């Protein structure tokens, strides 16, 4: 027999359930790290943006997901009319707004 076939025919060590407990602890720690360093801050940021969009009013400076910066001209149920230059207006969905800066001149 070759070394590789002997390796695959070997039985697992008789360590009991200690290896399984260590694996579960590792997976739990990994989930904990992902939750507190990745998932939780992202959900807080999304909630913050959603609150800003709900509190948006006429005259606020907004940034769209496409990078368009403009001033809110009117607000409907699901859309806003944004003026990006004098006489140039764009209608966007509220879900496309990524940042709201109230009362900013630039």
PDB file of N, CA and C in Angstrom:
ATOM      1  N   UNK A   1       0.827  -1.178   0.000  1.00  0.00           N
ATOM      2  CA  UNK A   1       0.000   0.000   0.000  1.00  0.00           C
ATOM      3  C   UNK A   1       0.872   1.243   0.000  1.00  0.00           C
ATOM      4  N   UNK A   2       0.351   2.244  -0.636  1.00  0.00           N
ATOM      5  CA  UNK A   2       1.089   3.503  -0.647  1.00  0.00           C
ATOM      6  C   UNK A   2       0.747   4.303   0.600  1.00  0.00           C
ATOM      7  N   UNK A   3       1.496   5.322   0.793  1.00  0.00           N
ATOM      8  CA  UNK A   3       1.298   6.172   1.975  1.00  0.00           C
ATOM      9  C   UNK A   3      -0.079   6.833   1.948  1.00  0.00           C
ATOM     10  N   UNK A   4      -0.547   7.288   0.788  1.00  0.00           N
ATOM     11  CA  UNK A   4      -1.831   7.986   0.699  1.00  0.00           C
ATOM     12  C   UNK A   4      -2.996   7.050   1.016  1.00  0.00           C
ATOM     13  N   UNK A   5      -2.969   5.813   0.549  1.00  0.00           N
ATOM     14  CA  UNK A   5      -4.071   4.899   0.864  1.00  0.00           C
ATOM     15  C   UNK A   5      -4.064   4.553   2.342  1.00  0.00           C
ATOM     16  N   UNK A   6      -2.888   4.425   2.951  1.00  0.00           N
ATOM     17  CA  UNK A   6      -2.838   4.190   4.397  1.00  0.00           C
ATOM     18  C   UNK A   6      -3.410   5.381   5.158  1.00  0.00           C
ATOM     19  N   UNK A   7      -3.140   6.578   4.661  1.00  0.00           N
ATOM     20  CA  UNK A   7      -3.643   7.788   5.312  1.00  0.00           C
ATOM     21  C   UNK A   7      -5.166   7.825   5.294  1.00  0.00           C
ATOM     22  N   UNK A   8      -5.775   7.467   4.170  1.00  0.00           N
ATOM     23  CA  UNK A   8      -7.222   7.503   4.066  1.00  0.00           C
ATOM     24  C   UNK A   8      -7.898   6.354   4.802  1.00  0.00           C
ATOM     25  N   UNK A   9      -7.196   5.262   5.046  1.00  0.00           N
ATOM     26  CA  UNK A   9      -7.759   4.132   5.762  1.00  0.00           C
ATOM     27  C   UNK A   9      -7.601   4.253   7.278  1.00  0.00           C
ATOM     28  N   UNK A  10      -6.888   5.260   7.726  1.00  0.00           N
ATOM     29  CA  UNK A  10      -6.674   5.434   9.161  1.00  0.00           C
ATOM     30  C   UNK A  10      -7.971   5.856   9.839  1.00  0.00           C
ATOM     31  N   UNK A  11      -8.171   5.396  11.045  1.00  0.00           N
ATOM     32  CA  UNK A  11      -9.360   5.758  11.822  1.00  0.00           C
ATOM     33  C   UNK A  11      -9.114   7.093  12.513  1.00  0.00           C
ATOM     34  N   UNK A  12     -10.173   7.829  12.788  1.00  0.00           N
ATOM     35  CA  UNK A  12      -9.997   9.085  13.516  1.00  0.00           C
ATOM     36  C   UNK A  12      -9.542   8.815  14.948  1.00  0.00           C
ATOM     37  N   UNK A  13      -8.875   9.744  15.561  1.00  0.00           N
ATOM     38  CA  UNK A  13      -8.404   9.527  16.930  1.00  0.00           C
ATOM     39  C   UNK A  13      -9.568   9.390  17.897  1.00  0.00           C
ATOM     40  N   UNK A  14      -9.353   8.703  18.982  1.00  0.00           N
ATOM     41  CA  UNK A  14     -10.409   8.472  19.965  1.00  0.00           C
ATOM     42  C   UNK A  14     -10.452   9.596  21.001  1.00  0.00           C
ATOM     43  N   UNK A  15     -10.501  10.809  20.554  1.00  0.00           N
ATOM     44  CA  UNK A  15     -10.498  11.930  21.488  1.00  0.00           C
ATOM     45  C   UNK A  15     -11.895  12.255  21.991  1.00  0.00           C
ATOM     46  N   UNK A  16     -12.896  11.610  21.488  1.00  0.00           N
ATOM     47  CA  UNK A  16     -14.261  11.853  21.957  1.00  0.00           C
ATOM     48  C   UNK A  16     -14.856  13.086  21.304  1.00  0.00           C
ATOM     49  N   UNK A  17     -15.585  13.859  22.087  1.00  0.00           N
ATOM     50  CA  UNK A  17     -16.273  15.023  21.538  1.00  0.00           C
ATOM     51  C   UNK A  17     -15.510  16.319  21.785  1.00  0.00           C
ATOM     52  N   UNK A  18     -14.275  16.234  22.256  1.00  0.00           N
ATOM     53  CA  UNK A  18     -13.502  17.447  22.513  1.00  0.00           C
ATOM     54  C   UNK A  18     -13.233  18.225  21.224  1.00  0.00           C
ATOM     55  N   UNK A  19     -12.947  17.526  20.164  1.00  0.00           N
ATOM     56  CA  UNK A  19     -12.700  18.187  18.878  1.00  0.00           C
ATOM     57  C   UNK A  19     -13.947  18.884  18.367  1.00  0.00           C
ATOM     58  N   UNK A  20     -15.087  18.272  18.568  1.00  0.00           N
ATOM     59  CA  UNK A  20     -16.338  18.880  18.122  1.00  0.00           C
ATOM     60  C   UNK A  20     -16.644  20.136  18.924  1.00  0.00           C
ATOM     61  N   UNK A  21     -16.371  20.114  20.208  1.00  0.00           N
ATOM     62  CA  UNK A  21     -16.631  21.284  21.046  1.00  0.00           C
ATOM     63  C   UNK A  21     -15.717  22.441  20.641  1.00  0.00           C
ATOM     64  N   UNK A  22     -14.464  22.123  20.368  1.00  0.00           N
ATOM     65  CA  UNK A  22     -13.528  23.164  19.937  1.00  0.00           C
ATOM     66  C   UNK A  22     -13.969  23.761  18.603  1.00  0.00           C
ATOM     67  N   UNK A  23     -14.432  22.921  17.694  1.00  0.00           N
ATOM     68  CA  UNK A  23     -14.922  23.419  16.405  1.00  0.00           C
ATOM     69  C   UNK A  23     -16.139  24.307  16.590  1.00  0.00           C
ATOM     70  N   UNK A  24     -17.057  23.929  17.464  1.00  0.00           N
ATOM     71  CA  UNK A  24     -18.241  24.752  17.720  1.00  0.00           C
ATOM     72  C   UNK A  24     -17.857  26.077  18.364  1.00  0.00           C
ATOM     73  N   UNK A  25     -16.920  26.052  19.277  1.00  0.00           N
ATOM     74  CA  UNK A  25     -16.459  27.298  19.896  1.00  0.00           C
ATOM     75  C   UNK A  25     -15.812  28.210  18.863  1.00  0.00           C
ATOM     76  N   UNK A  26     -15.025  27.634  17.975  1.00  0.00           N
ATOM     77  CA  UNK A  26     -14.397  28.421  16.921  1.00  0.00           C
ATOM     78  C   UNK A  26     -15.442  29.052  16.006  1.00  0.00           C
ATOM     79  N   UNK A  27     -16.448  28.275  15.612  1.00  0.00           N
ATOM     80  CA  UNK A  27     -17.507  28.816  14.753  1.00  0.00           C
ATOM     81  C   UNK A  27     -18.293  29.907  15.466  1.00  0.00           C
ATOM     82  N   UNK A  28     -18.545  29.707  16.761  1.00  0.00           N
ATOM     83  CA  UNK A  28     -19.242  30.730  17.542  1.00  0.00           C
ATOM     84  C   UNK A  28     -18.437  32.015  17.627  1.00  0.00           C
ATOM     85  N   UNK A  29     -17.126  31.896  17.856  1.00  0.00           N
ATOM     86  CA  UNK A  29     -16.267  33.074  17.919  1.00  0.00           C
ATOM     87  C   UNK A  29     -16.214  33.776  16.558  1.00  0.00           C
ATOM     88  N   UNK A  30     -16.181  33.000  15.489  1.00  0.00           N
ATOM     89  CA  UNK A  30     -16.153  33.577  14.151  1.00  0.00           C
ATOM     90  C   UNK A  30     -17.441  34.346  13.866  1.00  0.00           C
ATOM     91  N   UNK A  31     -18.587  33.785  14.237  1.00  0.00           N
ATOM     92  CA  UNK A  31     -19.864  34.480  14.060  1.00  0.00           C
ATOM     93  C   UNK A  31     -19.894  35.756  14.888  1.00  0.00           C
ATOM     94  N   UNK A  32     -19.394  35.697  16.121  1.00  0.00           N
ATOM     95  CA  UNK A  32     -19.349  36.852  17.008  1.00  0.00           C
ATOM     96  C   UNK A  32     -18.537  37.980  16.363  1.00  0.00           C
ATOM     97  N   UNK A  33     -17.386  37.656  15.812  1.00  0.00           N
ATOM     98  CA  UNK A  33     -16.531  38.662  15.171  1.00  0.00           C
ATOM     99  C   UNK A  33     -17.234  39.262  13.961  1.00  0.00           C
ATOM    100  N   UNK A  34     -17.825  38.430  13.113  1.00  0.00           N
ATOM    101  CA  UNK A  34     -18.527  38.941  11.937  1.00  0.00           C
ATOM    102  C   UNK A  34     -19.689  39.831  12.338  1.00  0.00           C
ATOM    103  N   UNK A  35     -20.436  39.441  13.360  1.00  0.00           N
ATOM    104  CA  UNK A  35     -21.597  40.218  13.763  1.00  0.00           C
ATOM    105  C   UNK A  35     -21.187  41.589  14.282  1.00  0.00           C
ATOM    106  N   UNK A  36     -20.242  41.642  15.215  1.00  0.00           N
ATOM    107  CA  UNK A  36     -19.912  42.907  15.851  1.00  0.00           C
ATOM    108  C   UNK A  36     -19.001  43.810  15.026  1.00  0.00           C
ATOM    109  N   UNK A  37     -18.260  43.279  14.083  1.00  0.00           N
ATOM    110  CA  UNK A  37     -17.376  44.116  13.297  1.00  0.00           C
ATOM    111  C   UNK A  37     -17.859  44.365  11.876  1.00  0.00           C
ATOM    112  N   UNK A  38     -18.803  43.575  11.374  1.00  0.00           N
ATOM    113  CA  UNK A  38     -19.253  43.758  10.000  1.00  0.00           C
ATOM    114  C   UNK A  38     -20.764  43.987   9.920  1.00  0.00           C
ATOM    115  N   UNK A  39     -21.546  43.085  10.457  1.00  0.00           N
ATOM    116  CA  UNK A  39     -22.995  43.137  10.281  1.00  0.00           C
ATOM    117  C   UNK A  39     -23.628  44.282  11.077  1.00  0.00           C
ATOM    118  N   UNK A  40     -23.296  44.394  12.346  1.00  0.00           N
ATOM    119  CA  UNK A  40     -23.916  45.403  13.208  1.00  0.00           C
ATOM    120  C   UNK A  40     -23.629  46.831  12.754  1.00  0.00           C
ATOM    121  N   UNK A  41     -22.374  47.219  12.442  1.00  0.00           N
ATOM    122  CA  UNK A  41     -22.149  48.588  11.967  1.00  0.00           C
ATOM    123  C   UNK A  41     -22.865  48.898  10.657  1.00  0.00           C
ATOM    124  N   UNK A  42     -22.965  47.905   9.777  1.00  0.00           N
ATOM    125  CA  UNK A  42     -23.639  48.130   8.502  1.00  0.00           C
ATOM    126  C   UNK A  42     -25.127  48.364   8.715  1.00  0.00           C
ATOM    127  N   UNK A  43     -25.769  47.606   9.581  1.00  0.00           N
ATOM    128  CA  UNK A  43     -27.197  47.811   9.828  1.00  0.00           C
ATOM    129  C   UNK A  43     -27.453  49.148  10.516  1.00  0.00           C
ATOM    130  N   UNK A  44     -26.541  49.561  11.408  1.00  0.00           N
ATOM    131  CA  UNK A  44     -26.684  50.870  12.043  1.00  0.00           C
ATOM    132  C   UNK A  44     -26.584  51.982  11.006  1.00  0.00           C
ATOM    133  N   UNK A  45     -25.655  51.850  10.065  1.00  0.00           N
ATOM    134  CA  UNK A  45     -25.486  52.864   9.011  1.00  0.00           C
ATOM    135  C   UNK A  45     -26.728  52.919   8.118  1.00  0.00           C
ATOM    136  N   UNK A  46     -27.282  51.770   7.752  1.00  0.00           N
ATOM    137  CA  UNK A  46     -28.481  51.739   6.919  1.00  0.00           C
ATOM    138  C   UNK A  46     -29.663  52.377   7.637  1.00  0.00           C
ATOM    139  N   UNK A  47     -29.803  52.109   8.921  1.00  0.00           N
ATOM    140  CA  UNK A  47     -30.889  52.697   9.700  1.00  0.00           C
ATOM    141  C   UNK A  47     -30.725  54.215   9.791  1.00  0.00           C
ATOM    142  N   UNK A  48     -29.490  54.674   9.951  1.00  0.00           N
ATOM    143  CA  UNK A  48     -29.207  56.106  10.020  1.00  0.00           C
ATOM    144  C   UNK A  48     -29.570  56.796   8.705  1.00  0.00           C
ATOM    145  N   UNK A  49     -29.205  56.195   7.588  1.00  0.00           N
ATOM    146  CA  UNK A  49     -29.532  56.771   6.280  1.00  0.00           C
ATOM    147  C   UNK A  49     -31.040  56.775   6.065  1.00  0.00           C
ATOM    148  N   UNK A  50     -31.714  55.697   6.445  1.00  0.00           N
ATOM    149  CA  UNK A  50     -33.171  55.622   6.291  1.00  0.00           C
ATOM    150  C   UNK A  50     -33.852  56.727   7.096  1.00  0.00           C
ATOM    151  N   UNK A  51     -33.378  56.984   8.319  1.00  0.00           N
ATOM    152  CA  UNK A  51     -33.953  58.051   9.135  1.00  0.00           C
ATOM    153  C   UNK A  51     -33.710  59.422   8.510  1.00  0.00           C
ATOM    154  N   UNK A  52     -32.520  59.638   7.938  1.00  0.00           N
ATOM    155  CA  UNK A  52     -32.229  60.906   7.275  1.00  0.00           C
ATOM    156  C   UNK A  52     -33.127  61.114   6.063  1.00  0.00           C
ATOM    157  N   UNK A  53     -33.351  60.046   5.293  1.00  0.00           N
ATOM    158  CA  UNK A  53     -34.197  60.158   4.100  1.00  0.00           C
ATOM    159  C   UNK A  53     -35.641  60.440   4.498  1.00  0.00           C
ATOM    160  N   UNK A  54     -36.112  59.823   5.577  1.00  0.00           N
ATOM    161  CA  UNK A  54     -37.484  60.079   6.029  1.00  0.00           C
ATOM    162  C   UNK A  54     -37.650  61.511   6.542  1.00  0.00           C
ATOM    163  N   UNK A  55     -36.592  62.086   7.121  1.00  0.00           N
ATOM    164  CA  UNK A  55     -36.657  63.442   7.658  1.00  0.00           C
ATOM    165  C   UNK A  55     -36.258  64.504   6.631  1.00  0.00           C
ATOM    166  N   UNK A  56     -35.998  64.104   5.406  1.00  0.00           N
ATOM    167  CA  UNK A  56     -35.561  65.013   4.355  1.00  0.00           C
ATOM    168  C   UNK A  56     -36.662  66.025   4.039  1.00  0.00           C
ATOM    169  N   UNK A  57     -36.252  67.253   3.766  1.00  0.00           N
ATOM    170  CA  UNK A  57     -37.224  68.289   3.413  1.00  0.00           C
ATOM    171  C   UNK A  57     -36.697  69.108   2.244  1.00  0.00           C
ATOM    172  N   UNK A  58     -37.530  69.973   1.730  1.00  0.00           N
ATOM    173  CA  UNK A  58     -37.161  70.807   0.591  1.00  0.00           C
ATOM    174  C   UNK A  58     -35.981  71.696   0.973  1.00  0.00           C
ATOM    175  N   UNK A  59     -34.985  71.764   0.080  1.00  0.00           N
ATOM    176  CA  UNK A  59     -33.815  72.593   0.301  1.00  0.00           C
ATOM    177  C   UNK A  59     -32.604  71.825   0.809  1.00  0.00           C
ATOM    178  N   UNK A  60     -32.780  70.575   1.215  1.00  0.00           N
ATOM    179  CA  UNK A  60     -31.654  69.773   1.699  1.00  0.00           C
ATOM    180  C   UNK A  60     -30.762  69.353   0.536  1.00  0.00           C
ATOM    181  N   UNK A  61     -29.478  69.280   0.803  1.00  0.00           N
ATOM    182  CA  UNK A  61     -28.529  68.763  -0.180  1.00  0.00           C
ATOM    183  C   UNK A  61     -28.491  67.249  -0.030  1.00  0.00           C
ATOM    184  N   UNK A  62     -28.568  66.535  -1.156  1.00  0.00           N
ATOM    185  CA  UNK A  62     -28.571  65.073  -1.124  1.00  0.00           C
ATOM    186  C   UNK A  62     -27.556  64.531  -2.127  1.00  0.00           C
ATOM    187  N   UNK A  63     -27.128  63.300  -1.869  1.00  0.00           N
ATOM    188  CA  UNK A  63     -26.233  62.580  -2.767  1.00  0.00           C
ATOM    189  C   UNK A  63     -26.936  61.288  -3.164  1.00  0.00           C
ATOM    190  N   UNK A  64     -26.974  61.011  -4.465  1.00  0.00           N
ATOM    191  CA  UNK A  64     -27.621  59.784  -4.934  1.00  0.00           C
ATOM    192  C   UNK A  64     -26.606  58.653  -4.993  1.00  0.00           C
ATOM    193  N   UNK A  65     -27.110  57.441  -5.203  1.00  0.00           N
ATOM    194  CA  UNK A  65     -26.217  56.281  -5.301  1.00  0.00           C
ATOM    195  C   UNK A  65     -25.350  56.345  -6.552  1.00  0.00           C
ATOM    196  N   UNK A  66     -25.749  57.123  -7.533  1.00  0.00           N
ATOM    197  CA  UNK A  66     -24.949  57.299  -8.734  1.00  0.00           C
ATOM    198  C   UNK A  66     -23.930  58.417  -8.618  1.00  0.00           C
ATOM    199  N   UNK A  67     -23.920  59.109  -7.469  1.00  0.00           N
ATOM    200  CA  UNK A  67     -22.952  60.171  -7.245  1.00  0.00           C
ATOM    201  C   UNK A  67     -23.445  61.554  -7.621  1.00  0.00           C
ATOM    202  N   UNK A  68     -24.717  61.674  -7.961  1.00  0.00           N
ATOM    203  CA  UNK A  68     -25.278  62.972  -8.321  1.00  0.00           C
ATOM    204  C   UNK A  68     -25.567  63.756  -7.048  1.00  0.00           C
ATOM    205  N   UNK A  69     -25.077  64.986  -6.993  1.00  0.00           N
ATOM    206  CA  UNK A  69     -25.293  65.855  -5.844  1.00  0.00           C
ATOM    207  C   UNK A  69     -26.227  66.968  -6.268  1.00  0.00           C
ATOM    208  N   UNK A  70     -27.246  67.212  -5.454  1.00  0.00           N
ATOM    209  CA  UNK A  70     -28.189  68.261  -5.790  1.00  0.00           C
ATOM    210  C   UNK A  70     -28.995  68.685  -4.590  1.00  0.00           C
ATOM    211  N   UNK A  71     -29.958  69.559  -4.863  1.00  0.00           N
ATOM    212  CA  UNK A  71     -30.815  70.108  -3.812  1.00  0.00           C
ATOM    213  C   UNK A  71     -32.239  69.634  -4.041  1.00  0.00           C
ATOM    214  N   UNK A  72     -32.892  69.230  -2.955  1.00  0.00           N
ATOM    215  CA  UNK A  72     -34.255  68.715  -3.045  1.00  0.00           C
ATOM    216  C   UNK A  72     -35.190  69.864  -3.410  1.00  0.00           C
ATOM    217  N   UNK A  73     -35.988  69.627  -4.461  1.00  0.00           N
ATOM    218  CA  UNK A  73     -36.940  70.637  -4.921  1.00  0.00           C
ATOM    219  C   UNK A  73     -38.353  70.299  -4.467  1.00  0.00           C
ATOM    220  N   UNK A  74     -38.725  69.019  -4.562  1.00  0.00           N
ATOM    221  CA  UNK A  74     -40.033  68.579  -4.064  1.00  0.00           C
ATOM    222  C   UNK A  74     -39.943  67.099  -3.688  1.00  0.00           C
ATOM    223  N   UNK A  75     -40.829  66.691  -2.791  1.00  0.00           N
ATOM    224  CA  UNK A  75     -40.826  65.319  -2.292  1.00  0.00           C
ATOM    225  C   UNK A  75     -42.206  64.721  -2.495  1.00  0.00           C
ATOM    226  N   UNK A  76     -42.247  63.543  -3.127  1.00  0.00           N
ATOM    227  CA  UNK A  76     -43.488  62.781  -3.282  1.00  0.00           C
ATOM    228  C   UNK A  76     -43.422  61.568  -2.359  1.00  0.00           C
ATOM    229  N   UNK A  77     -44.328  60.618  -2.560  1.00  0.00           N
ATOM    230  CA  UNK A  77     -44.351  59.425  -1.702  1.00  0.00           C
ATOM    231  C   UNK A  77     -43.072  58.611  -1.819  1.00  0.00           C
ATOM    232  N   UNK A  78     -42.721  58.212  -3.044  1.00  0.00           N
ATOM    233  CA  UNK A  78     -41.552  57.355  -3.254  1.00  0.00           C
ATOM    234  C   UNK A  78     -40.423  58.039  -4.019  1.00  0.00           C
ATOM    235  N   UNK A  79     -40.658  59.247  -4.514  1.00  0.00           N
ATOM    236  CA  UNK A  79     -39.656  59.919  -5.340  1.00  0.00           C
ATOM    237  C   UNK A  79     -39.394  61.329  -4.832  1.00  0.00           C
ATOM    238  N   UNK A  80     -38.291  61.879  -5.300  1.00  0.00           N
ATOM    239  CA  UNK A  80     -37.992  63.284  -5.043  1.00  0.00           C
ATOM    240  C   UNK A  80     -37.622  63.936  -6.362  1.00  0.00           C
ATOM    241  N   UNK A  81     -37.810  65.243  -6.438  1.00  0.00           N
ATOM    242  CA  UNK A  81     -37.363  66.019  -7.583  1.00  0.00           C
ATOM    243  C   UNK A  81     -36.159  66.808  -7.092  1.00  0.00           C
ATOM    244  N   UNK A  82     -35.014  66.565  -7.708  1.00  0.00           N
ATOM    245  CA  UNK A  82     -33.762  67.151  -7.253  1.00  0.00           C
ATOM    246  C   UNK A  82     -33.216  68.067  -8.340  1.00  0.00           C
ATOM    247  N   UNK A  83     -32.815  69.258  -7.939  1.00  0.00           N
ATOM    248  CA  UNK A  83     -32.220  70.212  -8.869  1.00  0.00           C
ATOM    249  C   UNK A  83     -30.703  70.079  -8.772  1.00  0.00           C
ATOM    250  N   UNK A  84     -30.071  69.682  -9.888  1.00  0.00           N
ATOM    251  CA  UNK A  84     -28.627  69.466  -9.869  1.00  0.00           C
ATOM    252  C   UNK A  84     -27.858  70.662 -10.420  1.00  0.00           C
ATOM    253  N   UNK A  85     -28.545  71.531 -11.140  1.00  0.00           N
ATOM    254  CA  UNK A  85     -27.972  72.772 -11.629  1.00  0.00           C
ATOM    255  C   UNK A  85     -29.143  73.713 -11.886  1.00  0.00           C
ATOM    256  N   UNK A  86     -28.875  74.959 -12.138  1.00  0.00           N
ATOM    257  CA  UNK A  86     -29.985  75.885 -12.348  1.00  0.00           C
ATOM    258  C   UNK A  86     -30.774  75.464 -13.586  1.00  0.00           C
ATOM    259  N   UNK A  87     -32.025  75.134 -13.362  1.00  0.00           N
ATOM    260  CA  UNK A  87     -32.910  74.712 -14.447  1.00  0.00           C
ATOM    261  C   UNK A  87     -32.821  73.247 -14.809  1.00  0.00           C
ATOM    262  N   UNK A  88     -31.937  72.487 -14.200  1.00  0.00           N
ATOM    263  CA  UNK A  88     -31.792  71.061 -14.511  1.00  0.00           C
ATOM    264  C   UNK A  88     -32.310  70.265 -13.316  1.00  0.00           C
ATOM    265  N   UNK A  89     -33.417  69.547 -13.542  1.00  0.00           N
ATOM    266  CA  UNK A  89     -34.033  68.782 -12.457  1.00  0.00           C
ATOM    267  C   UNK A  89     -34.069  67.304 -12.814  1.00  0.00           C
ATOM    268  N   UNK A  90     -33.898  66.483 -11.793  1.00  0.00           N
ATOM    269  CA  UNK A  90     -33.886  65.034 -11.966  1.00  0.00           C
ATOM    270  C   UNK A  90     -34.837  64.435 -10.947  1.00  0.00           C
ATOM    271  N   UNK A  91     -35.642  63.460 -11.387  1.00  0.00           N
ATOM    272  CA  UNK A  91     -36.529  62.754 -10.457  1.00  0.00           C
ATOM    273  C   UNK A  91     -35.854  61.439 -10.076  1.00  0.00           C
ATOM    274  N   UNK A  92     -35.705  61.210  -8.771  1.00  0.00           N
ATOM    275  CA  UNK A  92     -35.061  60.009  -8.248  1.00  0.00           C
ATOM    276  C   UNK A  92     -35.970  59.315  -7.254  1.00  0.00           C
ATOM    277  N   UNK A  93     -35.774  58.020  -7.110  1.00  0.00           N
ATOM    278  CA  UNK A  93     -36.466  57.293  -6.056  1.00  0.00           C
ATOM    279  C   UNK A  93     -35.765  57.577  -4.739  1.00  0.00           C
ATOM    280  N   UNK A  94     -36.523  57.554  -3.658  1.00  0.00           N
ATOM    281  CA  UNK A  94     -35.937  57.814  -2.342  1.00  0.00           C
ATOM    282  C   UNK A  94     -34.913  56.750  -1.969  1.00  0.00           C
ATOM    283  N   UNK A  95     -35.077  55.547  -2.482  1.00  0.00           N
ATOM    284  CA  UNK A  95     -34.134  54.469  -2.165  1.00  0.00           C
ATOM    285  C   UNK A  95     -32.765  54.701  -2.800  1.00  0.00           C
ATOM    286  N   UNK A  96     -32.668  55.622  -3.763  1.00  0.00           N
ATOM    287  CA  UNK A  96     -31.399  55.913  -4.419  1.00  0.00           C
ATOM    288  C   UNK A  96     -30.592  56.968  -3.662  1.00  0.00           C
ATOM    289  N   UNK A  97     -31.138  57.525  -2.597  1.00  0.00           N
ATOM    290  CA  UNK A  97     -30.438  58.545  -1.825  1.00  0.00           C
ATOM    291  C   UNK A  97     -29.492  57.862  -0.840  1.00  0.00           C
ATOM    292  N   UNK A  98     -28.216  58.251  -0.869  1.00  0.00           N
ATOM    293  CA  UNK A  98     -27.225  57.643   0.026  1.00  0.00           C
ATOM    294  C   UNK A  98     -26.795  58.571   1.143  1.00  0.00           C
ATOM    295  N   UNK A  99     -27.044  59.884   1.004  1.00  0.00           N
ATOM    296  CA  UNK A  99     -26.668  60.814   2.069  1.00  0.00           C
ATOM    297  C   UNK A  99     -27.528  62.055   1.971  1.00  0.00           C
ATOM    298  N   UNK A 100     -27.875  62.596   3.135  1.00  0.00           N
ATOM    299  CA  UNK A 100     -28.657  63.824   3.218  1.00  0.00           C
ATOM    300  C   UNK A 100     -27.880  64.787   4.098  1.00  0.00           C
ATOM    301  N   UNK A 101     -27.631  65.983   3.573  1.00  0.00           N
ATOM    302  CA  UNK A 101     -26.923  67.025   4.321  1.00  0.00           C
ATOM    303  C   UNK A 101     -27.830  68.246   4.409  1.00  0.00           C
ATOM    304  N   UNK A 102     -28.608  68.358   5.469  1.00  0.00           N
ATOM    305  CA  UNK A 102     -29.528  69.498   5.550  1.00  0.00           C
ATOM    306  C   UNK A 102     -28.780  70.812   5.750  1.00  0.00           C
ATOM    307  N   UNK A 103     -29.300  71.835   5.131  1.00  0.00           N
ATOM    308  CA  UNK A 103     -28.809  73.217   5.295  1.00  0.00           C
ATOM    309  C   UNK A 103     -27.338  73.388   4.962  1.00  0.00           C
ATOM    310  N   UNK A 104     -26.821  72.706   3.961  1.00  0.00           N
ATOM    311  CA  UNK A 104     -25.436  72.887   3.526  1.00  0.00           C
ATOM    312  C   UNK A 104     -25.468  73.722   2.245  1.00  0.00           C
ATOM    313  N   UNK A 105     -24.572  74.676   2.164  1.00  0.00           N
ATOM    314  CA  UNK A 105     -24.542  75.520   0.979  1.00  0.00           C
ATOM    315  C   UNK A 105     -23.710  74.916  -0.146  1.00  0.00           C
ATOM    316  N   UNK A 106     -22.774  74.021   0.168  1.00  0.00           N
ATOM    317  CA  UNK A 106     -21.929  73.384  -0.850  1.00  0.00           C
ATOM    318  C   UNK A 106     -22.076  71.891  -0.811  1.00  0.00           C
TER     319      UNK A 106
END
